[in-house]
Structure formats: C-alpha cells, structure tokens
Amino acid sequence: MKYMIAELLFEATKAWYENGKICILLSDKREIRFPVEMNKKLMEASPDQLQNIEIICNGTGLHWPDIDEDLSLTGIVEGRFGHA
C-alpha cells in the first residue's frame, strides 16, 4: 500500500468547529485551523452540522456525516479543501 509522507508523520487526535473555522489537533500536538469558506459544503452547513466531525482512516481523514463530506489531512496540509 502506498502512503503520502504526511500520512506517516501525523494523525488527527481531535477535530472541532470554532468561530467559523475547522480546528484539528494533531498527534504531535500541533493545531491546524482553516475557515469553513474554503469548502462549499462546509460553508453551507449549520453550526451543528459543522461540529459533528468524525476522525476516519486511522486519523488521516475527517468526515462530516450530516453533509456527507470527507477531507484528508494530507489535502488540508497541502491547501486542498475540496471545491469552494
């Protein structure tokens, strides 16, 4: 199985919505934050839908079940947030 180097270096341990941003705590204690406006589905979601985040794929991805959206940590780190 192939992996991106970023997938081997860190994983998400916690994810939450706060003040218009998606916040992610990584296993190495760094935090990543990005505005929901970077992704069309997230931008159109309610605060309750945004807060309902699941960490998937052994910590390498995020899933919002209420709006059926998935983002990989590698994509987020590389600045790819889906279609805005």
N, C-alpha and C. Protein backbone atom coordinates (compact mmCIF):
# COMPACT_ATOMS: atom_id res chain seq x y z
N MET A 1 0.84 -1.18 0.00
CA MET A 1 0.00 0.00 0.00
C MET A 1 0.89 1.24 0.00
N LYS A 2 0.53 2.22 -0.79
CA LYS A 2 1.28 3.47 -0.86
C LYS A 2 0.71 4.47 0.14
N TYR A 3 1.60 5.26 0.71
CA TYR A 3 1.22 6.32 1.63
C TYR A 3 1.89 7.61 1.22
N MET A 4 1.23 8.71 1.50
CA MET A 4 1.88 10.01 1.39
C MET A 4 2.74 10.18 2.63
N ILE A 5 3.87 10.85 2.51
CA ILE A 5 4.75 11.04 3.66
C ILE A 5 4.03 11.72 4.81
N ALA A 6 3.15 12.66 4.52
CA ALA A 6 2.41 13.36 5.58
C ALA A 6 1.55 12.39 6.38
N GLU A 7 1.01 11.35 5.74
CA GLU A 7 0.18 10.38 6.43
C GLU A 7 0.98 9.56 7.43
N LEU A 8 2.26 9.44 7.22
CA LEU A 8 3.10 8.68 8.13
C LEU A 8 3.64 9.53 9.28
N LEU A 9 3.57 10.85 9.16
CA LEU A 9 4.17 11.73 10.14
C LEU A 9 3.21 12.15 11.26
N PHE A 10 1.93 12.22 10.98
CA PHE A 10 0.99 12.69 12.00
C PHE A 10 -0.40 12.16 11.71
N GLU A 11 -1.24 12.26 12.73
CA GLU A 11 -2.65 11.91 12.58
C GLU A 11 -3.47 12.86 13.43
N ALA A 12 -4.75 12.97 13.10
CA ALA A 12 -5.66 13.81 13.88
C ALA A 12 -6.05 13.06 15.15
N THR A 13 -6.02 13.77 16.28
CA THR A 13 -6.49 13.16 17.53
C THR A 13 -7.79 13.80 18.00
N LYS A 14 -8.09 14.99 17.48
CA LYS A 14 -9.32 15.70 17.85
C LYS A 14 -9.64 16.68 16.73
N ALA A 15 -10.93 16.89 16.47
CA ALA A 15 -11.37 17.87 15.48
C ALA A 15 -12.65 18.52 15.98
N TRP A 16 -12.76 19.83 15.77
CA TRP A 16 -13.93 20.56 16.23
C TRP A 16 -14.13 21.82 15.39
N TYR A 17 -15.32 22.40 15.51
CA TYR A 17 -15.68 23.64 14.84
C TYR A 17 -15.69 24.75 15.88
N GLU A 18 -15.06 25.90 15.53
CA GLU A 18 -14.99 27.02 16.45
C GLU A 18 -14.86 28.34 15.68
N ASN A 19 -15.78 29.25 15.90
CA ASN A 19 -15.71 30.61 15.34
C ASN A 19 -15.44 30.64 13.83
N GLY A 20 -16.19 29.84 13.08
CA GLY A 20 -16.06 29.86 11.63
C GLY A 20 -14.89 29.06 11.08
N LYS A 21 -14.21 28.31 11.95
CA LYS A 21 -13.06 27.54 11.50
C LYS A 21 -13.16 26.08 11.92
N ILE A 22 -12.59 25.21 11.11
CA ILE A 22 -12.40 23.82 11.48
C ILE A 22 -11.03 23.73 12.14
N CYS A 23 -10.99 23.13 13.31
CA CYS A 23 -9.76 23.03 14.10
C CYS A 23 -9.39 21.56 14.26
N ILE A 24 -8.12 21.27 14.09
CA ILE A 24 -7.65 19.89 14.17
C ILE A 24 -6.42 19.84 15.07
N LEU A 25 -6.46 18.97 16.06
CA LEU A 25 -5.30 18.72 16.92
C LEU A 25 -4.59 17.48 16.38
N LEU A 26 -3.31 17.63 16.09
CA LEU A 26 -2.52 16.53 15.55
C LEU A 26 -1.82 15.75 16.67
N SER A 27 -1.41 14.55 16.34
CA SER A 27 -0.75 13.68 17.32
C SER A 27 0.55 14.27 17.85
N ASP A 28 1.18 15.17 17.11
CA ASP A 28 2.41 15.81 17.58
C ASP A 28 2.13 17.12 18.32
N LYS A 29 0.85 17.35 18.68
CA LYS A 29 0.38 18.50 19.46
C LYS A 29 0.25 19.80 18.67
N ARG A 30 0.52 19.77 17.36
CA ARG A 30 0.26 20.97 16.55
C ARG A 30 -1.22 21.07 16.28
N GLU A 31 -1.67 22.29 16.01
CA GLU A 31 -3.06 22.54 15.62
C GLU A 31 -3.09 23.13 14.22
N ILE A 32 -4.07 22.68 13.46
CA ILE A 32 -4.33 23.24 12.13
C ILE A 32 -5.74 23.82 12.20
N ARG A 33 -5.92 24.99 11.61
CA ARG A 33 -7.23 25.63 11.53
C ARG A 33 -7.42 26.17 10.11
N PHE A 34 -8.64 26.03 9.61
CA PHE A 34 -8.94 26.64 8.32
C PHE A 34 -10.39 27.11 8.32
N PRO A 35 -10.67 28.20 7.61
CA PRO A 35 -12.03 28.73 7.57
C PRO A 35 -12.95 27.83 6.74
N VAL A 36 -14.19 27.69 7.21
CA VAL A 36 -15.15 26.85 6.50
C VAL A 36 -15.42 27.36 5.09
N GLU A 37 -15.16 28.63 4.83
CA GLU A 37 -15.38 29.19 3.50
C GLU A 37 -14.49 28.55 2.44
N MET A 38 -13.50 27.79 2.85
CA MET A 38 -12.60 27.13 1.90
C MET A 38 -13.26 25.93 1.23
N ASN A 39 -14.42 25.49 1.73
CA ASN A 39 -15.11 24.32 1.20
C ASN A 39 -16.60 24.62 1.09
N LYS A 40 -17.16 24.41 -0.10
CA LYS A 40 -18.55 24.78 -0.36
C LYS A 40 -19.54 24.07 0.57
N LYS A 41 -19.39 22.76 0.76
CA LYS A 41 -20.33 22.04 1.63
C LYS A 41 -20.22 22.52 3.08
N LEU A 42 -19.01 22.76 3.54
CA LEU A 42 -18.85 23.25 4.91
C LEU A 42 -19.42 24.65 5.05
N MET A 43 -19.21 25.48 4.05
CA MET A 43 -19.70 26.86 4.08
C MET A 43 -21.23 26.90 4.18
N GLU A 44 -21.91 25.95 3.58
CA GLU A 44 -23.37 25.94 3.56
C GLU A 44 -23.97 25.17 4.74
N ALA A 45 -23.14 24.56 5.58
CA ALA A 45 -23.63 23.75 6.70
C ALA A 45 -23.96 24.60 7.91
N SER A 46 -24.83 24.08 8.76
CA SER A 46 -25.17 24.75 10.02
C SER A 46 -24.05 24.50 11.04
N PRO A 47 -24.00 25.32 12.09
CA PRO A 47 -23.00 25.08 13.14
C PRO A 47 -23.09 23.68 13.75
N ASP A 48 -24.30 23.17 13.95
CA ASP A 48 -24.43 21.81 14.48
C ASP A 48 -23.86 20.77 13.52
N GLN A 49 -24.11 20.94 12.23
CA GLN A 49 -23.54 20.01 11.24
C GLN A 49 -22.03 20.11 11.20
N LEU A 50 -21.50 21.31 11.33
CA LEU A 50 -20.05 21.50 11.31
C LEU A 50 -19.38 20.89 12.53
N GLN A 51 -20.05 20.94 13.66
CA GLN A 51 -19.49 20.40 14.90
C GLN A 51 -19.45 18.87 14.89
N ASN A 52 -20.28 18.24 14.09
CA ASN A 52 -20.36 16.78 14.04
C ASN A 52 -19.28 16.24 13.09
N ILE A 53 -18.06 16.14 13.59
CA ILE A 53 -16.91 15.70 12.80
C ILE A 53 -16.45 14.35 13.32
N GLU A 54 -16.22 13.42 12.40
CA GLU A 54 -15.65 12.13 12.75
C GLU A 54 -14.22 12.06 12.22
N ILE A 55 -13.32 11.53 13.01
CA ILE A 55 -11.96 11.27 12.55
C ILE A 55 -11.96 9.86 11.97
N ILE A 56 -11.53 9.74 10.71
CA ILE A 56 -11.60 8.47 10.00
C ILE A 56 -10.22 8.04 9.49
N CYS A 57 -10.16 6.82 8.99
CA CYS A 57 -8.95 6.29 8.33
C CYS A 57 -7.71 6.39 9.23
N ASN A 58 -7.86 5.90 10.45
CA ASN A 58 -6.74 5.90 11.40
C ASN A 58 -6.17 7.29 11.64
N GLY A 59 -7.04 8.30 11.63
CA GLY A 59 -6.62 9.65 11.94
C GLY A 59 -6.12 10.45 10.76
N THR A 60 -6.23 9.91 9.54
CA THR A 60 -5.73 10.63 8.37
C THR A 60 -6.82 11.37 7.60
N GLY A 61 -8.06 11.30 8.09
CA GLY A 61 -9.15 11.98 7.40
C GLY A 61 -10.22 12.45 8.35
N LEU A 62 -11.04 13.38 7.86
CA LEU A 62 -12.18 13.90 8.60
C LEU A 62 -13.44 13.65 7.78
N HIS A 63 -14.53 13.34 8.49
CA HIS A 63 -15.81 13.08 7.84
C HIS A 63 -16.91 13.83 8.58
N TRP A 64 -17.76 14.52 7.82
CA TRP A 64 -18.95 15.19 8.34
C TRP A 64 -20.15 14.38 7.86
N PRO A 65 -20.70 13.49 8.70
CA PRO A 65 -21.79 12.61 8.25
C PRO A 65 -23.07 13.35 7.88
N ASP A 66 -23.34 14.47 8.51
CA ASP A 66 -24.59 15.20 8.24
C ASP A 66 -24.62 15.83 6.85
N ILE A 67 -23.44 16.09 6.28
CA ILE A 67 -23.39 16.72 4.95
C ILE A 67 -22.62 15.87 3.94
N ASP A 68 -22.24 14.66 4.36
CA ASP A 68 -21.53 13.71 3.50
C ASP A 68 -20.29 14.33 2.85
N GLU A 69 -19.41 14.85 3.68
CA GLU A 69 -18.17 15.46 3.19
C GLU A 69 -16.98 14.81 3.88
N ASP A 70 -15.93 14.58 3.11
CA ASP A 70 -14.69 14.00 3.62
C ASP A 70 -13.52 14.85 3.16
N LEU A 71 -12.55 15.04 4.05
CA LEU A 71 -11.30 15.71 3.70
C LEU A 71 -10.15 14.92 4.31
N SER A 72 -9.05 14.82 3.57
CA SER A 72 -7.87 14.15 4.11
C SER A 72 -6.97 15.18 4.79
N LEU A 73 -6.24 14.73 5.79
CA LEU A 73 -5.28 15.64 6.43
C LEU A 73 -4.21 16.06 5.45
N THR A 74 -3.78 15.13 4.61
CA THR A 74 -2.78 15.47 3.60
C THR A 74 -3.28 16.60 2.72
N GLY A 75 -4.52 16.51 2.25
CA GLY A 75 -5.10 17.57 1.43
C GLY A 75 -5.19 18.89 2.16
N ILE A 76 -5.60 18.85 3.42
CA ILE A 76 -5.70 20.07 4.21
C ILE A 76 -4.33 20.72 4.36
N VAL A 77 -3.33 19.93 4.70
CA VAL A 77 -1.97 20.45 4.87
C VAL A 77 -1.45 21.03 3.56
N GLU A 78 -1.83 20.41 2.45
CA GLU A 78 -1.39 20.89 1.13
C GLU A 78 -2.24 22.02 0.59
N GLY A 79 -3.28 22.43 1.34
CA GLY A 79 -4.12 23.54 0.90
C GLY A 79 -5.25 23.13 -0.02
N ARG A 80 -5.60 21.85 -0.04
CA ARG A 80 -6.72 21.37 -0.86
C ARG A 80 -7.90 21.11 0.06
N PHE A 81 -8.95 21.89 -0.10
CA PHE A 81 -10.10 21.82 0.79
C PHE A 81 -11.38 21.40 0.05
N GLY A 82 -11.26 20.79 -1.08
CA GLY A 82 -12.43 20.49 -1.89
C GLY A 82 -12.76 21.71 -2.75
N HIS A 83 -13.93 21.72 -3.29
CA HIS A 83 -14.33 22.83 -4.16
C HIS A 83 -14.99 23.92 -3.36
N ALA A 84 -14.48 25.13 -3.50
CA ALA A 84 -15.06 26.28 -2.78
C ALA A 84 -16.12 26.95 -3.63
